[in-house]
Amino acid sequence: MFNKLIFWLKKPSNTLWVLPTFGVILALSFNLFALLGTIYLKPNILPNIESKTIDDLLNIIASSLLAVSTFSLSIMVSAFASASSNSSPRATELVMADDNTRLAISSFISAFVYAIIAKIGLNTGYYEQNGRFILFISILFVIFYIILMLIRWIHTLSKLGRLDNTLNKIYNATEKSLKLYKEAHNFGACWKEDENIEPNLVLKSIKTGYISYINLNELQNIADKFKLNISILARQGDYIAKNKNLLKIYFEDGSSNIDSTVVDDILNTFIVDIQRSYHQDSRFGFMVLSEVAQKALSPGINDQGTAISVLILISKLLLNDDFKENEEKKNLYNRLSLISFDEAEFIYCSVDAISRDGANNIELSKFVQNILYEIYENSSNANIKKGAKKQAKISLQRALVALSYNEDKKYLQSIYDKNFV
């Protein structure tokens, strides 16, 4: 249950309330601090600020920030809709996670709440001379902070929901996930399974959907406690049906007895959902990038430039050698093994769909061939090189069927022959 709560909180759509809540608590603290000044400081030790001056400032803050907060929320909703319609619905989650947007809206709401609470306290006579001065200083601080946030918010509005901004967010999320994968291809599961030995127990999936997250740390703890070795038969991002084999369990003592509550604890380390997640699933990011390109190539939009931009981002990800294997992270879980993964899938789940939808476009088909050649030529991963060559041939065959002009076919064939033959 705790695992599910942690994963639930990692989704930006489930945490939009967090920053506003902290902001409201901070607003209450500011007002409480002013009240404490009234109670504990020596009377009239601080300069006297007229109640009307403070009340006027609070009126300005409360009235203006109510309008600004409402406007900002409408902008945020419009940005979510724009990201969904212009790129991919799977990208909306990333737009929701924009720190500048969340901080700006939280700040406006918090300042509005602060002004309302301070105004109530002021008009009910809670603040004496010392408290009014402390309240006045805090109001100046709030005004200064809001001015900074408004300037930052204007800059954010110039980018929020735009296609290039959304593409960058998808790219960054995919790069982060790919970094985790490259540091430890099996996420630290380093136990070597002997396939000649039959498992003592096979556990089946109790749900249908995508594996969004595996709590390998908790699974290792269970394996340590009960002296188990566990082979995981599906990776993050894999689709799994109910009653499909999910885990093979080997007991060190050779028995096959295990309590049903332990089985439940083991299965609960897997979060199966209808939606995939960027966190542990690098393929998902490649797939979302591909969806953006596919939408751009649809007849109603016909924007090959966006598709080319996506192909460039894909190639940047595949050719990024900055991330190296981390020996420590590779060997975290000595009782777990994870099914292997062919990195060529990164190409098949992204470039394949783009080349299919743009097969009748000679410019895009040519670019696909050149991009795949660069990946083939420069990648340090043998599986990716092999996948690039295979995908180039598939893309060529599709284009030769879709293109109607013979000279275009000959030209594309010559590019393939030059690069791969």
Protein backbone atom coordinates (compact mmCIF):
# COMPACT_ATOMS: atom_id res chain seq x y z
CA MET A 1 0.00 0.00 0.00
CA PHE A 2 2.85 2.37 0.88
CA ASN A 3 4.52 1.61 -2.47
CA LYS A 4 1.37 2.60 -4.32
CA LEU A 5 1.08 5.82 -2.33
CA ILE A 6 4.68 6.81 -3.15
CA PHE A 7 4.16 6.07 -6.85
CA TRP A 8 0.83 7.93 -6.80
CA LEU A 9 2.54 10.99 -5.36
CA LYS A 10 5.18 10.88 -8.12
CA LYS A 11 2.52 11.70 -10.69
CA PRO A 12 2.28 15.49 -11.15
CA SER A 13 -1.49 15.33 -11.67
CA ASN A 14 -1.83 13.98 -8.13
CA THR A 15 0.35 16.61 -6.48
CA LEU A 16 -0.97 19.90 -7.87
CA TRP A 17 -2.30 20.64 -4.38
CA VAL A 18 1.04 20.24 -2.56
CA LEU A 19 2.68 23.61 -3.27
CA PRO A 20 -0.52 25.65 -2.66
CA THR A 21 -0.94 23.83 0.65
CA PHE A 22 2.59 24.69 1.75
CA GLY A 23 2.02 28.25 0.60
CA VAL A 24 -1.14 28.58 2.69
CA ILE A 25 0.72 27.22 5.74
CA LEU A 26 3.44 29.81 5.15
CA ALA A 27 0.80 32.55 4.87
CA LEU A 28 -0.68 31.46 8.19
CA SER A 29 2.80 31.49 9.72
CA PHE A 30 3.40 35.08 8.59
CA ASN A 31 0.19 36.22 10.24
CA LEU A 32 0.92 34.22 13.38
CA PHE A 33 4.37 35.82 13.60
CA ALA A 34 2.79 39.28 13.55
CA LEU A 35 0.37 38.21 16.29
CA LEU A 36 3.23 36.87 18.42
CA GLY A 37 4.95 40.24 18.06
CA THR A 38 1.89 41.87 19.57
CA ILE A 39 1.84 39.43 22.48
CA TYR A 40 5.48 39.00 23.42
CA LEU A 41 7.29 42.21 22.45
CA LYS A 42 7.41 45.20 24.76
CA PRO A 43 4.39 47.42 23.89
CA ASN A 44 4.95 50.15 21.28
CA ILE A 45 8.65 49.31 20.85
CA LEU A 46 8.30 49.28 17.05
CA PRO A 47 7.23 52.21 14.79
CA ASN A 48 3.52 52.86 14.47
CA ILE A 49 1.88 52.06 11.12
CA GLU A 50 -1.71 53.18 10.66
CA SER A 51 -4.28 50.42 10.23
CA LYS A 52 -5.73 52.19 7.17
CA THR A 53 -2.37 52.04 5.36
CA ILE A 54 -2.07 48.31 5.96
CA ASP A 55 -5.74 47.74 5.10
CA ASP A 56 -5.37 49.53 1.76
CA LEU A 57 -2.34 47.42 0.85
CA LEU A 58 -4.17 44.22 1.81
CA ASN A 59 -7.17 45.26 -0.30
CA ILE A 60 -4.90 45.71 -3.33
CA ILE A 61 -3.20 42.33 -2.80
CA ALA A 62 -6.45 40.43 -2.19
CA SER A 63 -8.42 41.90 -5.11
CA SER A 64 -5.62 41.76 -7.69
CA LEU A 65 -4.32 38.30 -6.81
CA LEU A 66 -7.79 36.78 -6.89
CA ALA A 67 -8.01 37.86 -10.55
CA VAL A 68 -4.43 36.82 -11.27
CA SER A 69 -4.95 33.38 -9.68
CA THR A 70 -8.13 32.78 -11.69
CA PHE A 71 -6.45 33.90 -14.90
CA SER A 72 -3.37 31.75 -14.20
CA LEU A 73 -5.46 28.65 -13.53
CA SER A 74 -7.29 29.14 -16.83
CA ILE A 75 -3.93 29.52 -18.61
CA MET A 76 -2.70 26.31 -16.98
CA VAL A 77 -5.78 24.38 -18.09
CA SER A 78 -5.40 25.76 -21.62
CA ALA A 79 -1.74 24.67 -21.65
CA PHE A 80 -2.75 21.15 -20.64
CA ALA A 81 -5.30 21.04 -23.45
CA SER A 82 -2.78 22.46 -25.93
CA ALA A 83 -0.17 19.86 -24.99
CA SER A 84 -2.72 17.10 -25.44
CA SER A 85 -4.04 18.32 -28.80
CA ASN A 86 -0.78 19.54 -30.37
CA SER A 87 1.58 16.81 -29.21
CA SER A 88 0.27 13.78 -27.32
CA PRO A 89 -2.11 13.19 -24.39
CA ARG A 90 0.80 11.31 -22.78
CA ALA A 91 2.72 14.59 -22.64
CA THR A 92 0.13 16.38 -20.50
CA GLU A 93 1.60 14.85 -17.35
CA LEU A 94 4.91 16.55 -18.10
CA VAL A 95 3.31 19.95 -18.63
CA MET A 96 1.58 19.51 -15.27
CA ALA A 97 5.00 18.97 -13.72
CA ASP A 98 6.32 22.36 -14.89
CA ASP A 99 7.89 23.83 -11.74
CA ASN A 100 7.56 27.46 -12.79
CA THR A 101 3.82 27.12 -13.41
CA ARG A 102 3.13 25.31 -10.17
CA LEU A 103 5.23 27.74 -8.14
CA ALA A 104 3.63 30.82 -9.72
CA ILE A 105 0.05 29.68 -9.18
CA SER A 106 0.86 28.49 -5.65
CA SER A 107 2.42 31.86 -4.87
CA PHE A 108 -0.60 33.81 -6.12
CA ILE A 109 -3.05 31.66 -4.18
CA SER A 110 -0.91 31.80 -1.04
CA ALA A 111 -0.56 35.60 -1.22
CA PHE A 112 -4.33 35.92 -1.68
CA VAL A 113 -4.97 33.72 1.39
CA TYR A 114 -2.36 35.70 3.33
CA ALA A 115 -4.08 38.98 2.51
CA ILE A 116 -7.52 37.66 3.53
CA ILE A 117 -6.28 36.27 6.86
CA ALA A 118 -4.27 39.43 7.63
CA LYS A 119 -7.25 41.63 6.79
CA ILE A 120 -9.50 39.64 9.13
CA GLY A 121 -6.95 39.86 11.93
CA LEU A 122 -6.43 43.59 11.35
CA ASN A 123 -10.13 44.48 11.31
CA THR A 124 -10.84 42.43 14.43
CA GLY A 125 -8.14 44.28 16.38
CA TYR A 126 -5.73 41.41 16.94
CA TYR A 127 -2.70 43.44 15.91
CA GLU A 128 -1.49 46.27 18.11
CA GLN A 129 1.33 48.67 17.23
CA ASN A 130 4.13 46.06 17.21
CA GLY A 131 2.00 43.54 15.34
CA ARG A 132 0.98 46.12 12.72
CA PHE A 133 4.62 46.99 12.03
CA ILE A 134 5.60 43.32 11.66
CA LEU A 135 2.55 42.83 9.42
CA PHE A 136 3.56 45.86 7.35
CA ILE A 137 7.10 44.46 6.83
CA SER A 138 5.69 41.08 5.82
CA ILE A 139 3.34 42.79 3.35
CA LEU A 140 6.30 44.57 1.72
CA PHE A 141 8.08 41.23 1.48
CA VAL A 142 5.00 39.60 -0.10
CA ILE A 143 4.63 42.45 -2.62
CA PHE A 144 8.31 42.18 -3.59
CA TYR A 145 8.01 38.39 -3.96
CA ILE A 146 4.82 38.64 -6.04
CA ILE A 147 6.45 41.17 -8.39
CA LEU A 148 9.32 38.73 -8.98
CA MET A 149 6.87 35.87 -9.55
CA LEU A 150 4.82 37.93 -12.02
CA ILE A 151 7.96 38.70 -14.06
CA ARG A 152 8.91 35.03 -14.02
CA TRP A 153 5.32 34.03 -14.85
CA ILE A 154 5.29 36.27 -17.93
CA HIS A 155 8.43 34.50 -19.16
CA THR A 156 6.83 31.10 -18.47
CA LEU A 157 3.66 32.06 -20.34
CA SER A 158 5.68 32.73 -23.48
CA LYS A 159 6.63 29.03 -23.60
CA LEU A 160 3.95 27.08 -21.73
CA GLY A 161 2.00 24.69 -23.93
CA ARG A 162 4.03 25.44 -27.07
CA LEU A 163 5.03 22.40 -29.08
CA ASP A 164 8.79 22.98 -28.82
CA ASN A 165 8.50 23.40 -25.05
CA THR A 166 6.48 20.18 -24.76
CA LEU A 167 9.00 18.32 -26.93
CA ASN A 168 11.81 19.47 -24.64
CA LYS A 169 9.91 18.19 -21.62
CA ILE A 170 9.40 14.79 -23.26
CA TYR A 171 13.06 14.72 -24.24
CA ASN A 172 14.23 15.58 -20.71
CA ALA A 173 11.97 12.97 -19.12
CA THR A 174 13.19 10.32 -21.57
CA GLU A 175 16.82 11.30 -21.04
CA LYS A 176 16.39 11.00 -17.27
CA SER A 177 14.85 7.55 -17.62
CA LEU A 178 17.51 6.50 -20.13
CA LYS A 179 20.21 7.59 -17.68
CA LEU A 180 18.78 5.20 -15.07
CA TYR A 181 18.73 2.41 -17.64
CA LYS A 182 22.29 2.99 -18.85
CA GLU A 183 23.68 3.18 -15.33
CA ALA A 184 22.21 -0.24 -14.57
CA HIS A 185 20.50 -2.06 -17.44
CA ASN A 186 18.70 -4.37 -15.01
CA PHE A 187 18.14 -1.67 -12.38
CA GLY A 188 20.54 -3.38 -10.00
CA ALA A 189 19.06 -6.90 -10.26
CA CYS A 190 22.28 -8.92 -10.56
CA TRP A 191 21.41 -12.48 -9.52
CA LYS A 192 22.18 -14.97 -12.29
CA GLU A 193 19.37 -17.44 -12.83
CA ASP A 194 20.23 -21.01 -13.81
CA GLU A 195 17.60 -21.84 -16.43
CA ASN A 196 18.39 -25.55 -16.09
CA ILE A 197 16.91 -25.54 -12.60
CA GLU A 198 13.14 -25.59 -12.23
CA PRO A 199 11.68 -22.88 -9.98
CA ASN A 200 10.04 -23.90 -6.72
CA LEU A 201 7.15 -21.55 -7.32
CA VAL A 202 5.77 -19.45 -10.20
CA LEU A 203 3.64 -16.43 -9.38
CA LYS A 204 1.15 -15.06 -11.88
CA SER A 205 -0.01 -11.51 -12.39
CA ILE A 206 -3.21 -10.60 -10.57
CA LYS A 207 -3.92 -7.59 -12.78
CA THR A 208 -4.01 -6.63 -16.45
CA GLY A 209 -2.18 -3.56 -17.74
CA TYR A 210 1.26 -2.02 -18.07
CA ILE A 211 3.91 -2.52 -15.41
CA SER A 212 4.41 1.09 -14.35
CA TYR A 213 6.78 0.55 -11.47
CA ILE A 214 8.64 -2.22 -9.64
CA ASN A 215 9.82 -1.60 -6.09
CA LEU A 216 13.01 -3.61 -6.37
CA ASN A 217 14.26 -2.48 -2.98
CA GLU A 218 11.22 -3.89 -1.20
CA LEU A 219 11.36 -7.06 -3.28
CA GLN A 220 15.02 -7.54 -2.28
CA ASN A 221 14.11 -7.08 1.39
CA ILE A 222 11.45 -9.79 1.13
CA ALA A 223 13.89 -12.11 -0.66
CA ASP A 224 16.51 -11.55 2.05
CA LYS A 225 14.04 -12.15 4.85
CA PHE A 226 12.72 -15.45 3.49
CA LYS A 227 15.92 -16.62 1.77
CA LEU A 228 14.49 -16.46 -1.76
CA ASN A 229 15.92 -15.85 -5.22
CA ILE A 230 13.46 -14.19 -7.57
CA SER A 231 13.47 -14.03 -11.36
CA ILE A 232 11.29 -11.23 -12.78
CA LEU A 233 9.76 -12.19 -16.12
CA ALA A 234 8.57 -8.75 -17.27
CA ARG A 235 10.13 -5.31 -17.34
CA GLN A 236 8.78 -1.87 -16.58
CA GLY A 237 6.62 -0.81 -19.51
CA ASP A 238 5.68 -4.34 -20.53
CA TYR A 239 2.02 -5.19 -20.99
CA ILE A 240 0.97 -8.09 -18.83
CA ALA A 241 -2.36 -9.91 -18.65
CA LYS A 242 -3.97 -11.39 -15.58
CA ASN A 243 -2.77 -14.95 -14.83
CA LYS A 244 0.34 -14.55 -16.98
CA ASN A 245 3.60 -15.74 -15.39
CA LEU A 246 5.26 -12.83 -13.64
CA LEU A 247 7.84 -14.26 -11.23
CA LYS A 248 9.85 -17.41 -10.73
CA ILE A 249 10.84 -18.05 -7.12
CA TYR A 250 13.64 -20.28 -5.93
CA PHE A 251 13.90 -21.30 -2.26
CA GLU A 252 17.36 -21.79 -0.84
CA ASP A 253 16.15 -24.73 1.24
CA GLY A 254 14.43 -26.31 -1.78
CA SER A 255 10.93 -26.11 -0.28
CA SER A 256 7.90 -24.60 -1.98
CA ASN A 257 5.96 -23.41 1.06
CA ILE A 258 5.31 -19.72 1.41
CA ASP A 259 2.67 -17.84 3.32
CA SER A 260 -0.11 -16.21 1.29
CA THR A 261 0.59 -12.84 2.93
CA VAL A 262 4.19 -13.02 1.68
CA VAL A 263 2.91 -13.75 -1.82
CA ASP A 264 0.67 -10.69 -1.57
CA ASP A 265 3.60 -8.57 -0.39
CA ILE A 266 5.69 -9.76 -3.36
CA LEU A 267 2.95 -9.02 -5.89
CA ASN A 268 2.31 -5.62 -4.32
CA THR A 269 5.84 -4.52 -5.24
CA PHE A 270 4.51 -4.35 -8.82
CA ILE A 271 2.27 -1.46 -9.84
CA VAL A 272 0.18 -2.39 -12.87
CA ASP A 273 -1.79 0.44 -14.45
CA ILE A 274 -3.54 1.34 -17.69
CA GLN A 275 -0.98 4.13 -18.19
CA ARG A 276 2.77 3.79 -18.55
CA SER A 277 5.23 5.93 -16.61
CA TYR A 278 8.40 7.74 -17.64
CA HIS A 279 10.25 6.95 -14.43
CA GLN A 280 11.54 3.41 -15.06
CA ASP A 281 10.32 2.95 -18.63
CA SER A 282 12.66 4.51 -21.21
CA ARG A 283 10.70 3.06 -24.12
CA PHE A 284 7.68 5.10 -23.11
CA GLY A 285 9.49 8.38 -23.74
CA PHE A 286 10.57 7.23 -27.21
CA MET A 287 7.00 6.16 -27.94
CA VAL A 288 5.58 9.55 -26.88
CA LEU A 289 8.10 11.37 -29.08
CA SER A 290 6.96 9.16 -31.93
CA GLU A 291 3.31 10.00 -31.22
CA VAL A 292 4.09 13.70 -31.58
CA ALA A 293 5.64 13.08 -34.98
CA GLN A 294 2.76 10.86 -36.07
CA LYS A 295 0.25 13.57 -35.18
CA ALA A 296 2.32 16.13 -37.11
CA LEU A 297 2.27 13.86 -40.18
CA SER A 298 -1.51 13.40 -40.10
CA PRO A 299 -3.31 14.76 -43.21
CA GLY A 300 -5.00 17.52 -41.23
CA ILE A 301 -1.66 18.95 -40.01
CA ASN A 302 0.95 17.72 -42.54
CA ASP A 303 3.92 19.17 -40.64
CA GLN A 304 7.01 17.24 -41.66
CA GLY A 305 9.26 19.75 -39.89
CA THR A 306 8.03 18.61 -36.49
CA ALA A 307 8.56 14.97 -37.48
CA ILE A 308 12.14 15.80 -38.47
CA SER A 309 12.69 17.60 -35.15
CA VAL A 310 11.46 14.50 -33.32
CA LEU A 311 13.83 12.28 -35.30
CA ILE A 312 16.71 14.54 -34.30
CA LEU A 313 15.74 14.27 -30.63
CA ILE A 314 15.53 10.48 -30.93
CA SER A 315 18.98 10.34 -32.48
CA LYS A 316 20.38 12.60 -29.73
CA LEU A 317 19.06 10.23 -27.10
CA LEU A 318 20.39 7.12 -28.83
CA LEU A 319 23.82 8.62 -29.47
CA ASN A 320 24.25 10.10 -26.00
CA ASP A 321 27.26 8.35 -24.47
CA ASP A 322 27.51 10.62 -21.44
CA PHE A 323 25.80 8.06 -19.25
CA LYS A 324 28.04 5.18 -18.22
CA GLU A 325 27.42 1.99 -16.32
CA ASN A 326 27.59 2.42 -12.57
CA GLU A 327 29.13 -0.67 -10.96
CA GLU A 328 27.58 0.06 -7.59
CA LYS A 329 24.06 0.51 -9.01
CA LYS A 330 24.46 -2.57 -11.22
CA ASN A 331 24.84 -4.86 -8.20
CA LEU A 332 22.32 -3.60 -5.69
CA TYR A 333 19.99 -6.61 -5.59
CA ASN A 334 21.83 -9.91 -5.36
CA ARG A 335 18.68 -11.99 -5.01
CA LEU A 336 16.82 -10.60 -8.02
CA SER A 337 17.14 -11.07 -11.76
CA LEU A 338 15.31 -9.13 -14.46
CA ILE A 339 14.49 -10.34 -17.95
CA SER A 340 16.90 -8.95 -20.53
CA PHE A 341 16.02 -6.15 -22.94
CA ASP A 342 17.04 -5.50 -26.55
CA GLU A 343 17.98 -1.82 -26.94
CA ALA A 344 16.92 -1.99 -30.59
CA GLU A 345 13.39 -1.63 -29.19
CA PHE A 346 14.16 2.06 -28.70
CA ILE A 347 14.29 2.37 -32.50
CA TYR A 348 11.40 0.05 -33.30
CA CYS A 349 9.00 1.80 -30.91
CA SER A 350 9.82 5.26 -32.24
CA VAL A 351 11.27 5.49 -35.74
CA ASP A 352 9.19 2.64 -37.15
CA ALA A 353 5.85 4.43 -36.75
CA ILE A 354 7.25 7.72 -38.08
CA SER A 355 8.67 6.07 -41.19
CA ARG A 356 5.39 4.25 -41.75
CA ASP A 357 3.24 7.41 -41.57
CA GLY A 358 5.71 9.43 -43.65
CA ALA A 359 6.50 6.71 -46.19
CA ASN A 360 4.91 8.68 -49.05
CA ASN A 361 7.01 11.77 -48.28
CA ILE A 362 10.37 11.64 -50.04
CA GLU A 363 11.96 14.36 -47.87
CA LEU A 364 11.03 12.59 -44.65
CA SER A 365 11.96 9.16 -46.00
CA LYS A 366 15.36 10.50 -46.99
CA PHE A 367 15.84 12.00 -43.54
CA VAL A 368 14.86 8.73 -41.88
CA GLN A 369 17.53 6.90 -43.88
CA ASN A 370 20.19 9.46 -42.99
CA ILE A 371 19.28 9.52 -39.30
CA LEU A 372 19.36 5.73 -39.10
CA TYR A 373 22.72 5.71 -40.83
CA GLU A 374 24.15 8.17 -38.31
CA ILE A 375 22.84 6.01 -35.47
CA TYR A 376 24.26 2.90 -37.13
CA GLU A 377 27.61 4.54 -37.75
CA ASN A 378 28.10 6.30 -34.42
CA SER A 379 26.32 4.25 -31.76
CA SER A 380 28.55 2.30 -29.39
CA ASN A 381 25.77 -0.22 -28.70
CA ALA A 382 25.76 -3.29 -30.97
CA ASN A 383 22.03 -3.90 -30.53
CA ILE A 384 21.18 -0.33 -31.48
CA LYS A 385 23.45 -0.53 -34.54
CA LYS A 386 21.74 -3.75 -35.61
CA GLY A 387 18.31 -2.24 -34.99
CA ALA A 388 19.13 0.88 -37.01
CA LYS A 389 20.19 -1.20 -40.01
CA LYS A 390 17.11 -3.40 -39.79
CA GLN A 391 14.81 -0.38 -39.44
CA ALA A 392 16.45 1.32 -42.43
CA LYS A 393 15.57 -1.65 -44.62
CA ILE A 394 11.99 -1.77 -43.33
CA SER A 395 11.58 1.98 -43.87
CA LEU A 396 12.97 1.70 -47.40
CA GLN A 397 10.58 -1.10 -48.33
CA ARG A 398 7.61 0.86 -47.03
CA ALA A 399 8.64 4.00 -48.90
CA LEU A 400 9.17 2.11 -52.17
CA VAL A 401 5.58 0.90 -51.92
CA ALA A 402 4.13 4.28 -50.95
CA LEU A 403 6.07 6.55 -53.34
CA SER A 404 4.56 6.96 -56.79
CA TYR A 405 7.39 8.70 -58.66
CA ASN A 406 10.06 6.32 -59.92
CA GLU A 407 12.89 8.84 -59.65
CA ASP A 408 12.10 9.30 -55.95
CA LYS A 409 12.25 5.53 -55.48
CA LYS A 410 15.61 5.29 -57.25
CA TYR A 411 16.99 8.19 -55.23
CA LEU A 412 15.92 6.66 -51.91
CA GLN A 413 17.27 3.26 -52.92
CA SER A 414 20.62 4.85 -53.75
CA ILE A 415 20.80 6.45 -50.30
CA TYR A 416 20.14 3.10 -48.64
CA ASP A 417 22.68 1.31 -50.82
CA LYS A 418 25.31 3.95 -50.09
CA ASN A 419 24.76 3.79 -46.35
CA PHE A 420 24.09 0.12 -45.63
CA VAL A 421 25.15 -2.06 -48.56
